[in-house]
């Protein structure tokens, strides 16, 4: 399917499942303002039946570019869950679903905490943008049993929650404690800058 604004939208033949690459969204997001971009996202969601998979082939998706051009007030809910069908080399990857007025954007990158650098990417490319766009209070964790739980309020619990979802829980070793201090500083610094 060809969309006049976003370009090619992929469709699985057997199922009515539509997908798009994240960079297609972020490229267009950078060319327009949040009002227009948010309207176009909602229009696209309507045209694909209300559910769009957003693929990204790395562990460093530019979620912040997408969120910076999507009105936070138009995002009613965020769900963060684990998937085991994205990368067979790891226990699980994390997905993030954004609920807009006309449907759900289901972001499926390769977020995983199997080593320190990948864990750092979860913080910088998922948790930080959620904080910067004031979406933490709208965020829920979806556990493997399908149970939805409100995302924790404090940063340390948020980090632990994300790492647990990815199958590589946070441990309180001295190295991990130093990383946690760094994560808190990064998030707090970004939050201070966003207030300016």
C-alpha atoms as a PDB file:
ATOM      1  CA  UNK A   1       0.000   0.000   0.000  1.00  0.00           C
ATOM      2  CA  UNK A   2       1.317   3.441  -0.882  1.00  0.00           C
ATOM      3  CA  UNK A   3       0.514   6.328   1.452  1.00  0.00           C
ATOM      4  CA  UNK A   4       0.775   9.861   0.041  1.00  0.00           C
ATOM      5  CA  UNK A   5       2.619  11.128   3.129  1.00  0.00           C
ATOM      6  CA  UNK A   6       4.517   8.211   4.695  1.00  0.00           C
ATOM      7  CA  UNK A   7       5.288   6.182   1.567  1.00  0.00           C
ATOM      8  CA  UNK A   8       5.177   2.387   1.337  1.00  0.00           C
ATOM      9  CA  UNK A   9       3.197   0.539   3.992  1.00  0.00           C
ATOM     10  CA  UNK A  10       3.843  -3.199   4.104  1.00  0.00           C
ATOM     11  CA  UNK A  11       0.982  -5.677   4.404  1.00  0.00           C
ATOM     12  CA  UNK A  12       1.209  -9.374   5.194  1.00  0.00           C
ATOM     13  CA  UNK A  13      -0.708 -11.354   2.586  1.00  0.00           C
ATOM     14  CA  UNK A  14      -2.357 -13.850   4.913  1.00  0.00           C
ATOM     15  CA  UNK A  15      -3.317 -11.480   7.716  1.00  0.00           C
ATOM     16  CA  UNK A  16      -4.380  -7.874   7.684  1.00  0.00           C
ATOM     17  CA  UNK A  17      -1.206  -6.789   9.450  1.00  0.00           C
ATOM     18  CA  UNK A  18       0.371  -3.545   8.314  1.00  0.00           C
ATOM     19  CA  UNK A  19       3.889  -2.376   9.098  1.00  0.00           C
ATOM     20  CA  UNK A  20       6.192   0.528   8.425  1.00  0.00           C
ATOM     21  CA  UNK A  21       9.828   1.271   9.190  1.00  0.00           C
ATOM     22  CA  UNK A  22      10.430   3.719  12.038  1.00  0.00           C
ATOM     23  CA  UNK A  23      12.706   5.866   9.882  1.00  0.00           C
ATOM     24  CA  UNK A  24       9.800   6.481   7.461  1.00  0.00           C
ATOM     25  CA  UNK A  25       7.849   8.009  10.341  1.00  0.00           C
ATOM     26  CA  UNK A  26      10.729   9.991  11.812  1.00  0.00           C
ATOM     27  CA  UNK A  27      11.842  11.308   8.396  1.00  0.00           C
ATOM     28  CA  UNK A  28       8.401  12.798   7.859  1.00  0.00           C
ATOM     29  CA  UNK A  29       8.147  13.938  11.487  1.00  0.00           C
ATOM     30  CA  UNK A  30      11.197  16.140  11.007  1.00  0.00           C
ATOM     31  CA  UNK A  31       9.652  17.824   7.948  1.00  0.00           C
ATOM     32  CA  UNK A  32       6.500  19.096   9.617  1.00  0.00           C
ATOM     33  CA  UNK A  33       5.060  20.312  12.903  1.00  0.00           C
ATOM     34  CA  UNK A  34       3.435  18.243  15.658  1.00  0.00           C
ATOM     35  CA  UNK A  35      -0.126  19.276  14.735  1.00  0.00           C
ATOM     36  CA  UNK A  36       0.135  18.078  11.154  1.00  0.00           C
ATOM     37  CA  UNK A  37       2.221  15.008  11.961  1.00  0.00           C
ATOM     38  CA  UNK A  38      -0.172  13.824  14.676  1.00  0.00           C
ATOM     39  CA  UNK A  39      -3.115  14.242  12.300  1.00  0.00           C
ATOM     40  CA  UNK A  40      -1.293  12.217   9.651  1.00  0.00           C
ATOM     41  CA  UNK A  41      -0.512   9.421  12.142  1.00  0.00           C
ATOM     42  CA  UNK A  42      -4.177   9.209  13.098  1.00  0.00           C
ATOM     43  CA  UNK A  43      -5.245   9.237   9.432  1.00  0.00           C
ATOM     44  CA  UNK A  44      -2.792   6.432   8.656  1.00  0.00           C
ATOM     45  CA  UNK A  45      -4.012   4.388  11.624  1.00  0.00           C
ATOM     46  CA  UNK A  46      -7.581   4.703  10.350  1.00  0.00           C
ATOM     47  CA  UNK A  47      -6.562   3.563   6.859  1.00  0.00           C
ATOM     48  CA  UNK A  48      -4.855   0.401   8.187  1.00  0.00           C
ATOM     49  CA  UNK A  49      -7.625  -0.631  10.546  1.00  0.00           C
ATOM     50  CA  UNK A  50      -6.239   0.880  13.747  1.00  0.00           C
ATOM     51  CA  UNK A  51      -3.077  -1.183  14.240  1.00  0.00           C
ATOM     52  CA  UNK A  52       0.352  -0.455  12.744  1.00  0.00           C
ATOM     53  CA  UNK A  53       3.603  -2.276  13.517  1.00  0.00           C
ATOM     54  CA  UNK A  54       6.608   0.047  13.505  1.00  0.00           C
ATOM     55  CA  UNK A  55       9.760  -1.953  12.779  1.00  0.00           C
ATOM     56  CA  UNK A  56      13.309  -0.963  13.562  1.00  0.00           C
ATOM     57  CA  UNK A  57      16.235  -3.315  13.015  1.00  0.00           C
ATOM     58  CA  UNK A  58      18.485  -2.087  15.820  1.00  0.00           C
ATOM     59  CA  UNK A  59      18.509  -1.543  19.572  1.00  0.00           C
ATOM     60  CA  UNK A  60      18.749   2.246  19.201  1.00  0.00           C
ATOM     61  CA  UNK A  61      15.474   3.444  17.695  1.00  0.00           C
ATOM     62  CA  UNK A  62      14.873   7.180  17.507  1.00  0.00           C
ATOM     63  CA  UNK A  63      11.692   7.091  19.577  1.00  0.00           C
ATOM     64  CA  UNK A  64      12.430  10.636  20.757  1.00  0.00           C
ATOM     65  CA  UNK A  65      12.064  11.937  17.162  1.00  0.00           C
ATOM     66  CA  UNK A  66       8.666  10.284  16.890  1.00  0.00           C
ATOM     67  CA  UNK A  67       7.484  11.509  20.290  1.00  0.00           C
ATOM     68  CA  UNK A  68       8.804  15.033  19.790  1.00  0.00           C
ATOM     69  CA  UNK A  69       6.464  15.432  16.802  1.00  0.00           C
ATOM     70  CA  UNK A  70       3.465  13.629  18.276  1.00  0.00           C
ATOM     71  CA  UNK A  71       1.394  15.612  20.750  1.00  0.00           C
ATOM     72  CA  UNK A  72       1.706  13.890  24.135  1.00  0.00           C
ATOM     73  CA  UNK A  73      -1.879  14.911  24.841  1.00  0.00           C
ATOM     74  CA  UNK A  74      -2.946  12.769  21.850  1.00  0.00           C
ATOM     75  CA  UNK A  75      -1.275   9.673  23.335  1.00  0.00           C
ATOM     76  CA  UNK A  76      -3.812   8.133  25.682  1.00  0.00           C
ATOM     77  CA  UNK A  77      -1.733   5.219  26.904  1.00  0.00           C
ATOM     78  CA  UNK A  78       1.661   3.565  26.491  1.00  0.00           C
ATOM     79  CA  UNK A  79       2.199  -0.167  26.963  1.00  0.00           C
ATOM     80  CA  UNK A  80       5.613  -1.754  27.361  1.00  0.00           C
ATOM     81  CA  UNK A  81       5.901  -5.510  27.006  1.00  0.00           C
ATOM     82  CA  UNK A  82       8.280  -8.287  26.020  1.00  0.00           C
ATOM     83  CA  UNK A  83       8.454 -10.251  22.782  1.00  0.00           C
ATOM     84  CA  UNK A  84      10.256 -13.511  22.139  1.00  0.00           C
ATOM     85  CA  UNK A  85       9.793 -13.542  18.341  1.00  0.00           C
ATOM     86  CA  UNK A  86      12.043 -10.635  17.340  1.00  0.00           C
ATOM     87  CA  UNK A  87      15.558 -11.909  18.099  1.00  0.00           C
ATOM     88  CA  UNK A  88      16.304 -15.582  18.821  1.00  0.00           C
ATOM     89  CA  UNK A  89      19.738 -14.723  20.239  1.00  0.00           C
ATOM     90  CA  UNK A  90      18.318 -13.112  23.390  1.00  0.00           C
ATOM     91  CA  UNK A  91      15.737 -14.057  26.016  1.00  0.00           C
ATOM     92  CA  UNK A  92      13.338 -11.297  24.966  1.00  0.00           C
ATOM     93  CA  UNK A  93      13.134  -7.867  23.403  1.00  0.00           C
ATOM     94  CA  UNK A  94      10.999  -4.971  24.579  1.00  0.00           C
ATOM     95  CA  UNK A  95       8.183  -3.462  22.550  1.00  0.00           C
ATOM     96  CA  UNK A  96       6.379  -0.174  23.119  1.00  0.00           C
ATOM     97  CA  UNK A  97       2.812   0.507  22.004  1.00  0.00           C
ATOM     98  CA  UNK A  98       1.460   4.050  21.715  1.00  0.00           C
ATOM     99  CA  UNK A  99      -2.324   4.404  21.850  1.00  0.00           C
ATOM    100  CA  UNK A 100      -3.561   7.308  19.756  1.00  0.00           C
ATOM    101  CA  UNK A 101      -7.107   8.390  18.980  1.00  0.00           C
ATOM    102  CA  UNK A 102      -7.425   6.220  15.862  1.00  0.00           C
ATOM    103  CA  UNK A 103      -5.318   3.224  16.814  1.00  0.00           C
ATOM    104  CA  UNK A 104      -2.101   1.743  18.114  1.00  0.00           C
ATOM    105  CA  UNK A 105       1.485   2.232  16.949  1.00  0.00           C
ATOM    106  CA  UNK A 106       3.369  -0.890  18.013  1.00  0.00           C
ATOM    107  CA  UNK A 107       7.114  -0.125  18.043  1.00  0.00           C
ATOM    108  CA  UNK A 108       9.253  -3.284  17.737  1.00  0.00           C
ATOM    109  CA  UNK A 109      12.977  -2.560  17.816  1.00  0.00           C
ATOM    110  CA  UNK A 110      15.668  -4.838  19.282  1.00  0.00           C
ATOM    111  CA  UNK A 111      15.690  -3.382  22.818  1.00  0.00           C
ATOM    112  CA  UNK A 112      17.354  -5.880  25.113  1.00  0.00           C
ATOM    113  CA  UNK A 113      19.489  -5.750  28.266  1.00  0.00           C
ATOM    114  CA  UNK A 114      21.686  -8.795  27.662  1.00  0.00           C
ATOM    115  CA  UNK A 115      24.836  -6.680  28.057  1.00  0.00           C
ATOM    116  CA  UNK A 116      25.603  -3.267  29.516  1.00  0.00           C
ATOM    117  CA  UNK A 117      25.673  -1.306  26.263  1.00  0.00           C
ATOM    118  CA  UNK A 118      22.286  -2.713  25.183  1.00  0.00           C
ATOM    119  CA  UNK A 119      20.840  -2.004  28.636  1.00  0.00           C
ATOM    120  CA  UNK A 120      22.086   1.584  28.365  1.00  0.00           C
ATOM    121  CA  UNK A 121      20.246   1.915  25.044  1.00  0.00           C
ATOM    122  CA  UNK A 122      16.948   0.920  26.661  1.00  0.00           C
ATOM    123  CA  UNK A 123      17.378   3.790  29.078  1.00  0.00           C
ATOM    124  CA  UNK A 124      18.506   6.413  26.555  1.00  0.00           C
ATOM    125  CA  UNK A 125      16.113   5.505  23.718  1.00  0.00           C
ATOM    126  CA  UNK A 126      13.003   4.358  25.626  1.00  0.00           C
ATOM    127  CA  UNK A 127      12.900   5.519  29.234  1.00  0.00           C
ATOM    128  CA  UNK A 128      14.389   8.990  28.694  1.00  0.00           C
ATOM    129  CA  UNK A 129      11.995   9.905  25.816  1.00  0.00           C
ATOM    130  CA  UNK A 130       9.006   8.729  27.877  1.00  0.00           C
ATOM    131  CA  UNK A 131      10.122  11.032  30.703  1.00  0.00           C
ATOM    132  CA  UNK A 132      10.865  13.952  28.360  1.00  0.00           C
ATOM    133  CA  UNK A 133       7.372  13.738  26.882  1.00  0.00           C
ATOM    134  CA  UNK A 134       5.585  13.334  30.223  1.00  0.00           C
ATOM    135  CA  UNK A 135       4.267   9.875  29.337  1.00  0.00           C
ATOM    136  CA  UNK A 136       5.334   7.953  32.447  1.00  0.00           C
ATOM    137  CA  UNK A 137       1.969   8.478  34.147  1.00  0.00           C
ATOM    138  CA  UNK A 138       0.240   6.984  31.064  1.00  0.00           C
ATOM    139  CA  UNK A 139       2.533   3.951  30.878  1.00  0.00           C
ATOM    140  CA  UNK A 140       1.694   0.349  31.750  1.00  0.00           C
ATOM    141  CA  UNK A 141       3.815  -2.775  31.872  1.00  0.00           C
ATOM    142  CA  UNK A 142       2.398  -5.867  30.173  1.00  0.00           C
ATOM    143  CA  UNK A 143       3.762  -9.027  31.771  1.00  0.00           C
ATOM    144  CA  UNK A 144       3.920 -12.424  30.052  1.00  0.00           C
ATOM    145  CA  UNK A 145       0.565 -13.487  31.508  1.00  0.00           C
ATOM    146  CA  UNK A 146      -1.032 -10.483  29.783  1.00  0.00           C
ATOM    147  CA  UNK A 147      -1.486  -8.720  33.107  1.00  0.00           C
ATOM    148  CA  UNK A 148      -1.249  -4.924  32.870  1.00  0.00           C
ATOM    149  CA  UNK A 149       0.406  -3.079  35.715  1.00  0.00           C
ATOM    150  CA  UNK A 150       0.926   0.656  36.091  1.00  0.00           C
ATOM    151  CA  UNK A 151       4.548   1.555  35.369  1.00  0.00           C
ATOM    152  CA  UNK A 152       6.504   2.413  38.536  1.00  0.00           C
ATOM    153  CA  UNK A 153       6.867   6.063  39.534  1.00  0.00           C
ATOM    154  CA  UNK A 154      10.491   6.061  40.693  1.00  0.00           C
ATOM    155  CA  UNK A 155      13.377   5.787  38.244  1.00  0.00           C
ATOM    156  CA  UNK A 156      15.125   2.868  39.939  1.00  0.00           C
ATOM    157  CA  UNK A 157      11.967   0.738  39.827  1.00  0.00           C
ATOM    158  CA  UNK A 158      11.380   1.742  36.202  1.00  0.00           C
ATOM    159  CA  UNK A 159      14.877   0.577  35.236  1.00  0.00           C
ATOM    160  CA  UNK A 160      14.432  -2.690  37.134  1.00  0.00           C
ATOM    161  CA  UNK A 161      11.059  -3.238  35.476  1.00  0.00           C
ATOM    162  CA  UNK A 162      12.454  -2.741  31.958  1.00  0.00           C
ATOM    163  CA  UNK A 163      15.409  -5.034  32.548  1.00  0.00           C
ATOM    164  CA  UNK A 164      13.142  -7.713  34.029  1.00  0.00           C
ATOM    165  CA  UNK A 165      10.882  -7.518  30.975  1.00  0.00           C
ATOM    166  CA  UNK A 166      13.870  -8.076  28.712  1.00  0.00           C
ATOM    167  CA  UNK A 167      14.794 -11.230  30.622  1.00  0.00           C
ATOM    168  CA  UNK A 168      17.978  -9.789  32.134  1.00  0.00           C
ATOM    169  CA  UNK A 169      17.068  -8.450  35.588  1.00  0.00           C
ATOM    170  CA  UNK A 170      18.943  -5.662  37.316  1.00  0.00           C
ATOM    171  CA  UNK A 171      21.189  -6.824  40.161  1.00  0.00           C
ATOM    172  CA  UNK A 172      22.509  -4.661  42.968  1.00  0.00           C
ATOM    173  CA  UNK A 173      26.221  -5.135  42.415  1.00  0.00           C
ATOM    174  CA  UNK A 174      28.568  -2.181  42.810  1.00  0.00           C
ATOM    175  CA  UNK A 175      28.837  -1.845  39.002  1.00  0.00           C
ATOM    176  CA  UNK A 176      25.061  -1.902  38.680  1.00  0.00           C
ATOM    177  CA  UNK A 177      24.719   0.696  41.425  1.00  0.00           C
ATOM    178  CA  UNK A 178      27.069   3.010  39.511  1.00  0.00           C
ATOM    179  CA  UNK A 179      25.040   2.466  36.342  1.00  0.00           C
ATOM    180  CA  UNK A 180      21.834   3.231  38.240  1.00  0.00           C
ATOM    181  CA  UNK A 181      23.327   6.508  39.492  1.00  0.00           C
ATOM    182  CA  UNK A 182      24.273   7.370  35.902  1.00  0.00           C
ATOM    183  CA  UNK A 183      20.763   6.489  34.634  1.00  0.00           C
ATOM    184  CA  UNK A 184      19.132   8.705  37.260  1.00  0.00           C
ATOM    185  CA  UNK A 185      21.471  11.566  36.392  1.00  0.00           C
ATOM    186  CA  UNK A 186      20.762  11.183  32.673  1.00  0.00           C
ATOM    187  CA  UNK A 187      16.994  11.209  33.168  1.00  0.00           C
ATOM    188  CA  UNK A 188      17.039  14.066  35.676  1.00  0.00           C
ATOM    189  CA  UNK A 189      19.335  16.115  33.424  1.00  0.00           C
ATOM    190  CA  UNK A 190      17.033  15.635  30.419  1.00  0.00           C
ATOM    191  CA  UNK A 191      14.019  16.520  32.544  1.00  0.00           C
ATOM    192  CA  UNK A 192      15.676  19.755  33.708  1.00  0.00           C
ATOM    193  CA  UNK A 193      16.542  20.698  30.113  1.00  0.00           C
ATOM    194  CA  UNK A 194      12.982  20.033  28.957  1.00  0.00           C
ATOM    195  CA  UNK A 195      11.685  22.521  31.562  1.00  0.00           C
ATOM    196  CA  UNK A 196      13.819  25.349  30.130  1.00  0.00           C
END
